Protein backbone atom coordinates (compact mmCIF):
# COMPACT_ATOMS: atom_id res chain seq x y z
CA MET A 1 -11.91 22.40 -15.76
CA THR A 2 -8.40 23.59 -16.38
CA ALA A 3 -6.31 23.75 -13.31
CA PRO A 4 -4.15 26.66 -13.07
CA ASP A 5 -0.27 26.34 -13.68
CA ALA A 6 1.88 26.50 -10.74
CA GLN A 7 3.76 29.64 -11.97
CA VAL A 8 0.18 31.43 -12.55
CA ASP A 9 -1.20 33.67 -9.69
CA VAL A 10 -4.21 31.96 -8.68
CA GLU A 11 -6.12 35.46 -7.71
CA LEU A 12 -5.22 37.00 -11.07
CA ARG A 13 -6.39 33.89 -12.93
CA GLN A 14 -9.76 34.05 -11.10
CA ARG A 15 -10.26 37.70 -11.84
CA VAL A 16 -9.40 36.92 -15.56
CA VAL A 17 -11.97 34.11 -15.70
CA ASP A 18 -14.51 36.41 -14.16
CA THR A 19 -13.74 39.20 -16.49
CA LEU A 20 -13.53 36.95 -19.46
CA SER A 21 -17.18 35.40 -18.53
CA THR A 22 -18.68 38.80 -18.09
CA VAL A 23 -17.21 40.18 -21.42
CA LEU A 24 -18.34 37.03 -23.32
CA VAL A 25 -22.00 37.13 -21.94
CA ARG A 26 -22.31 40.75 -23.25
CA LEU A 27 -20.47 40.30 -26.62
CA LEU A 28 -22.30 37.11 -27.54
CA GLU A 29 -25.54 38.59 -26.05
CA ARG A 30 -26.15 35.38 -24.05
CA ASP A 31 -28.68 34.86 -21.45
CA GLU A 32 -26.89 31.99 -19.86
CA PRO A 33 -23.58 32.37 -17.80
CA VAL A 34 -20.14 31.50 -19.28
CA THR A 35 -18.18 28.94 -17.34
CA GLU A 36 -14.53 28.30 -17.71
CA ASP A 37 -14.97 24.83 -19.16
CA MET A 38 -16.69 25.94 -22.15
CA ASN A 39 -15.26 25.56 -25.56
CA MET A 40 -14.68 28.96 -27.07
CA ALA A 41 -15.28 28.03 -30.69
CA ASP A 42 -17.53 24.83 -30.36
CA GLU A 43 -19.77 25.93 -27.53
CA LEU A 44 -19.47 29.78 -27.81
CA GLY A 45 -19.09 30.32 -31.42
CA VAL A 46 -16.10 32.90 -30.76
CA SER A 47 -14.40 33.97 -34.18
CA SER A 48 -11.02 35.18 -34.51
CA SER A 49 -12.24 38.89 -34.88
CA LEU A 50 -14.56 38.48 -31.80
CA GLY A 51 -11.54 36.88 -29.91
CA LEU A 52 -9.47 39.86 -30.64
CA GLU A 53 -12.40 42.11 -29.41
CA LEU A 54 -12.38 39.97 -26.15
CA LEU A 55 -8.62 40.25 -25.53
CA LEU A 56 -8.60 44.07 -25.99
CA GLU A 57 -11.48 44.30 -23.47
CA VAL A 58 -9.92 42.01 -21.13
CA GLU A 59 -6.85 44.19 -21.27
CA GLU A 60 -8.55 47.36 -20.77
CA GLN A 61 -10.72 46.19 -17.79
CA LEU A 62 -7.84 44.41 -15.92
CA GLY A 63 -5.19 47.11 -16.89
CA VAL A 64 -2.74 44.50 -18.39
CA GLN A 65 -1.03 43.92 -21.38
CA ILE A 66 -1.26 40.41 -22.92
CA ASP A 67 1.66 38.80 -24.79
CA VAL A 68 -0.12 37.77 -27.95
CA GLU A 69 3.14 36.76 -29.37
CA THR A 70 3.36 33.67 -27.47
CA MET A 71 -0.29 32.66 -28.07
CA HIS A 72 -0.97 29.42 -29.68
CA THR A 73 -4.88 29.66 -30.33
CA ASP A 74 -5.15 25.83 -30.89
CA GLU A 75 -3.89 25.25 -27.35
CA LEU A 76 -6.55 27.65 -25.69
CA ARG A 77 -9.78 25.97 -26.40
CA THR A 78 -11.54 26.75 -23.40
CA VAL A 79 -12.33 29.78 -21.31
CA GLY A 80 -10.45 28.33 -18.48
CA GLU A 81 -7.18 27.70 -20.71
CA LEU A 82 -7.37 31.22 -22.01
CA ALA A 83 -7.63 32.56 -18.34
CA THR A 84 -4.47 30.61 -17.35
CA PHE A 85 -2.60 31.76 -20.60
CA ILE A 86 -3.49 35.64 -19.73
CA ALA A 87 -2.72 35.13 -16.11
CA GLY A 88 0.66 33.74 -16.89
CA HIS A 89 1.46 35.78 -20.05
CA SER A 90 0.48 39.50 -19.15
CA ARG A 91 1.90 42.48 -17.28
CA PRO A 92 0.27 45.57 -15.97
CA TRP A 93 0.35 48.67 -17.92
């Protein structure tokens, strides 16, 4: 499991994890829950187009804009790593 960075709001990060998990279950049509330690590509099969749809839905549901310009997808392997990134690189609309 990825520990939140010191500069990341822990409450916001948890909201992001919850939102990511809920959206991924729906988008992937899974019966099982998605946890923050799951690998986005290997375990969940998230493609780049599905990843974009995921980010757009997270932005809409949380009312934030994610700074995708600083995103390095190779460093965001798990749901938890993505949640930490979003919590630290987003701002309210």
